Amino acid sequence: MELSTNVKKVFDLVKELSAIEINELVKGLEEEFGVSAAASMVVAGGAAGGEEAGASKDTANVELTEAGQGKIAVIKVVKELLDIDLKAAKELVEKAPVVIKENVKNDEAEVMKTKIEEAGAKVTLK
């Protein structure tokens, strides 16, 4: 697909964003323009899933499935693990289920999962 110069510039900027920032960007675009990225994401996700199935499984996405009863403890752990501010960690935890980190090496993903689960949340590695 051929991209215009302006779209290439935006695309390059987006590549530098974290998963949290991309999530904020998508929500902002949805609100500003009254559109939804959900249908596109399902189609793109289905295509990408097929490609990834044959790929090496040495990385995982860490999904906070449920914050649980100890939400404050979970927020503190997420803040520490992702090196983000308290407000961003709180917003992220309250959005559960949400992928909090993508393409993490399996060892690191397991450590993250253990720490977050010890705080009382449910975590899924995908």
C-alpha atoms as a PDB file:
ATOM      1  CA  MET A   1       0.000   0.000   0.000  1.00  0.00           C
ATOM      2  CA  GLU A   2       1.347   3.410  -0.986  1.00  0.00           C
ATOM      3  CA  LEU A   3       1.297   5.976   1.832  1.00  0.00           C
ATOM      4  CA  SER A   4       1.291   9.753   1.410  1.00  0.00           C
ATOM      5  CA  THR A   5       4.115  11.781   2.922  1.00  0.00           C
ATOM      6  CA  ASN A   6       1.931  13.013   5.782  1.00  0.00           C
ATOM      7  CA  VAL A   7       0.675   9.511   6.566  1.00  0.00           C
ATOM      8  CA  LYS A   8       4.271   8.215   6.580  1.00  0.00           C
ATOM      9  CA  LYS A   9       5.239  10.934   9.086  1.00  0.00           C
ATOM     10  CA  VAL A  10       2.339  10.034  11.367  1.00  0.00           C
ATOM     11  CA  PHE A  11       3.093   6.327  10.981  1.00  0.00           C
ATOM     12  CA  ASP A  12       6.727   6.896  11.993  1.00  0.00           C
ATOM     13  CA  LEU A  13       5.591   8.800  15.095  1.00  0.00           C
ATOM     14  CA  VAL A  14       3.103   6.075  16.042  1.00  0.00           C
ATOM     15  CA  LYS A  15       5.820   3.413  15.812  1.00  0.00           C
ATOM     16  CA  GLU A  16       7.605   5.174  18.680  1.00  0.00           C
ATOM     17  CA  LEU A  17       4.575   5.034  21.017  1.00  0.00           C
ATOM     18  CA  SER A  18       4.059   2.499  23.782  1.00  0.00           C
ATOM     19  CA  ALA A  19       1.047   0.179  23.737  1.00  0.00           C
ATOM     20  CA  ILE A  20      -0.657   2.397  26.308  1.00  0.00           C
ATOM     21  CA  GLU A  21      -0.101   5.513  24.219  1.00  0.00           C
ATOM     22  CA  ILE A  22      -1.393   3.774  21.083  1.00  0.00           C
ATOM     23  CA  ASN A  23      -4.503   2.744  22.999  1.00  0.00           C
ATOM     24  CA  GLU A  24      -5.025   6.381  24.074  1.00  0.00           C
ATOM     25  CA  LEU A  25      -4.494   7.547  20.480  1.00  0.00           C
ATOM     26  CA  VAL A  26      -7.055   5.099  19.089  1.00  0.00           C
ATOM     27  CA  LYS A  27      -9.642   6.100  21.697  1.00  0.00           C
ATOM     28  CA  GLY A  28      -8.994   9.773  20.963  1.00  0.00           C
ATOM     29  CA  LEU A  29      -9.404   9.227  17.220  1.00  0.00           C
ATOM     30  CA  GLU A  30     -12.608   7.261  17.795  1.00  0.00           C
ATOM     31  CA  GLU A  31     -14.065  10.060  19.931  1.00  0.00           C
ATOM     32  CA  GLU A  32     -12.884  12.933  17.723  1.00  0.00           C
ATOM     33  CA  PHE A  33     -14.078  11.493  14.422  1.00  0.00           C
ATOM     34  CA  GLY A  34     -16.950   9.282  15.592  1.00  0.00           C
ATOM     35  CA  VAL A  35     -15.456   6.121  14.112  1.00  0.00           C
ATOM     36  CA  SER A  36     -14.576   2.723  15.519  1.00  0.00           C
ATOM     37  CA  ALA A  37     -11.376   0.774  14.957  1.00  0.00           C
ATOM     38  CA  ALA A  38     -12.975  -2.443  16.252  1.00  0.00           C
ATOM     39  CA  ALA A  39     -14.022  -3.890  12.889  1.00  0.00           C
ATOM     40  CA  SER A  40     -10.637  -3.161  11.347  1.00  0.00           C
ATOM     41  CA  MET A  41      -8.830  -4.615  14.325  1.00  0.00           C
ATOM     42  CA  VAL A  42     -10.809  -7.866  14.140  1.00  0.00           C
ATOM     43  CA  VAL A  43      -9.995  -8.318  10.468  1.00  0.00           C
ATOM     44  CA  ALA A  44      -6.360  -7.303  10.953  1.00  0.00           C
ATOM     45  CA  GLY A  45      -6.081  -9.422  14.083  1.00  0.00           C
ATOM     46  CA  GLY A  46      -7.400 -12.482  12.281  1.00  0.00           C
ATOM     47  CA  ALA A  47      -4.885 -12.074   9.480  1.00  0.00           C
ATOM     48  CA  ALA A  48      -2.023 -11.393  11.855  1.00  0.00           C
ATOM     49  CA  GLY A  49      -2.988 -14.355  14.028  1.00  0.00           C
ATOM     50  CA  GLY A  50      -2.569 -16.705  11.108  1.00  0.00           C
ATOM     51  CA  GLU A  51       0.870 -15.338  10.363  1.00  0.00           C
ATOM     52  CA  GLU A  52       1.973 -15.484  13.989  1.00  0.00           C
ATOM     53  CA  ALA A  53       0.843 -19.080  14.401  1.00  0.00           C
ATOM     54  CA  GLY A  54       3.840 -20.284  12.459  1.00  0.00           C
ATOM     55  CA  ALA A  55       6.201 -17.798  14.072  1.00  0.00           C
ATOM     56  CA  SER A  56       8.476 -18.495  16.996  1.00  0.00           C
ATOM     57  CA  LYS A  57       6.668 -18.467  20.333  1.00  0.00           C
ATOM     58  CA  ASP A  58       9.468 -16.905  22.354  1.00  0.00           C
ATOM     59  CA  THR A  59       7.384 -13.808  23.126  1.00  0.00           C
ATOM     60  CA  ALA A  60       3.967 -13.199  24.646  1.00  0.00           C
ATOM     61  CA  ASN A  61       1.501 -10.408  25.251  1.00  0.00           C
ATOM     62  CA  VAL A  62       0.729  -9.831  28.920  1.00  0.00           C
ATOM     63  CA  GLU A  63      -2.996  -9.254  29.410  1.00  0.00           C
ATOM     64  CA  LEU A  64      -4.428  -8.006  32.665  1.00  0.00           C
ATOM     65  CA  THR A  65      -7.612 -10.067  32.553  1.00  0.00           C
ATOM     66  CA  GLU A  66      -9.153  -8.941  35.841  1.00  0.00           C
ATOM     67  CA  ALA A  67      -7.942  -6.433  38.443  1.00  0.00           C
ATOM     68  CA  GLY A  68      -9.386  -8.391  41.359  1.00  0.00           C
ATOM     69  CA  GLN A  69     -10.173  -7.088  44.852  1.00  0.00           C
ATOM     70  CA  GLY A  70      -6.704  -5.684  45.607  1.00  0.00           C
ATOM     71  CA  LYS A  71      -6.836  -3.035  42.890  1.00  0.00           C
ATOM     72  CA  ILE A  72      -4.485  -0.649  44.731  1.00  0.00           C
ATOM     73  CA  ALA A  73      -1.788  -3.316  45.048  1.00  0.00           C
ATOM     74  CA  VAL A  74      -2.225  -4.221  41.375  1.00  0.00           C
ATOM     75  CA  ILE A  75      -1.887  -0.569  40.350  1.00  0.00           C
ATOM     76  CA  LYS A  76       1.379  -0.292  42.303  1.00  0.00           C
ATOM     77  CA  VAL A  77       2.800  -3.437  40.683  1.00  0.00           C
ATOM     78  CA  VAL A  78       1.756  -2.355  37.166  1.00  0.00           C
ATOM     79  CA  LYS A  79       3.289   1.096  37.795  1.00  0.00           C
ATOM     80  CA  GLU A  80       6.564  -0.517  38.831  1.00  0.00           C
ATOM     81  CA  LEU A  81       6.687  -3.117  36.034  1.00  0.00           C
ATOM     82  CA  LEU A  82       5.846  -0.707  33.209  1.00  0.00           C
ATOM     83  CA  ASP A  83       7.727   2.270  34.671  1.00  0.00           C
ATOM     84  CA  ILE A  84       4.714   4.562  34.236  1.00  0.00           C
ATOM     85  CA  ASP A  85       3.145   7.170  36.491  1.00  0.00           C
ATOM     86  CA  LEU A  86       0.455   6.333  39.012  1.00  0.00           C
ATOM     87  CA  LYS A  87      -2.389   7.885  37.012  1.00  0.00           C
ATOM     88  CA  ALA A  88      -1.504   5.905  33.870  1.00  0.00           C
ATOM     89  CA  ALA A  89      -1.214   2.689  35.898  1.00  0.00           C
ATOM     90  CA  LYS A  90      -4.612   3.306  37.516  1.00  0.00           C
ATOM     91  CA  GLU A  91      -6.267   3.997  34.159  1.00  0.00           C
ATOM     92  CA  LEU A  92      -4.721   0.878  32.676  1.00  0.00           C
ATOM     93  CA  VAL A  93      -5.804  -1.383  35.540  1.00  0.00           C
ATOM     94  CA  GLU A  94      -9.344   0.012  35.423  1.00  0.00           C
ATOM     95  CA  LYS A  95      -9.579  -0.876  31.697  1.00  0.00           C
ATOM     96  CA  ALA A  96      -9.122  -4.603  32.376  1.00  0.00           C
ATOM     97  CA  PRO A  97      -9.202  -6.776  30.389  1.00  0.00           C
ATOM     98  CA  VAL A  98      -6.355  -5.017  28.585  1.00  0.00           C
ATOM     99  CA  VAL A  99      -2.966  -5.968  27.135  1.00  0.00           C
ATOM    100  CA  ILE A 100      -0.464  -4.141  29.304  1.00  0.00           C
ATOM    101  CA  LYS A 101       2.693  -5.144  27.442  1.00  0.00           C
ATOM    102  CA  GLU A 102       3.198  -6.682  24.013  1.00  0.00           C
ATOM    103  CA  ASN A 103       5.903  -8.947  22.593  1.00  0.00           C
ATOM    104  CA  VAL A 104       7.566  -9.629  25.926  1.00  0.00           C
ATOM    105  CA  LYS A 105      10.094 -12.445  26.139  1.00  0.00           C
ATOM    106  CA  ASN A 106       8.447 -15.447  27.770  1.00  0.00           C
ATOM    107  CA  ASP A 107      10.707 -15.349  30.836  1.00  0.00           C
ATOM    108  CA  GLU A 108       9.916 -11.687  31.500  1.00  0.00           C
ATOM    109  CA  ALA A 109       6.220 -12.302  30.812  1.00  0.00           C
ATOM    110  CA  GLU A 110       6.133 -15.085  33.410  1.00  0.00           C
ATOM    111  CA  VAL A 111       7.802 -12.824  35.990  1.00  0.00           C
ATOM    112  CA  MET A 112       5.282 -10.058  35.250  1.00  0.00           C
ATOM    113  CA  LYS A 113       2.400 -12.519  35.486  1.00  0.00           C
ATOM    114  CA  THR A 114       3.602 -13.848  38.842  1.00  0.00           C
ATOM    115  CA  LYS A 115       4.064 -10.385  40.367  1.00  0.00           C
ATOM    116  CA  ILE A 116       0.685  -9.120  39.185  1.00  0.00           C
ATOM    117  CA  GLU A 117      -1.093 -12.288  40.321  1.00  0.00           C
ATOM    118  CA  GLU A 118       0.573 -12.011  43.743  1.00  0.00           C
ATOM    119  CA  ALA A 119      -1.045  -8.568  43.986  1.00  0.00           C
ATOM    120  CA  GLY A 120      -4.437 -10.192  43.425  1.00  0.00           C
ATOM    121  CA  ALA A 121      -5.151  -9.793  39.718  1.00  0.00           C
ATOM    122  CA  LYS A 122      -5.713 -12.346  36.979  1.00  0.00           C
ATOM    123  CA  VAL A 123      -3.236 -12.347  34.081  1.00  0.00           C
ATOM    124  CA  THR A 124      -3.257 -14.187  30.770  1.00  0.00           C
ATOM    125  CA  LEU A 125      -0.257 -14.639  28.492  1.00  0.00           C
ATOM    126  CA  LYS A 126      -1.191 -14.663  24.834  1.00  0.00           C
END
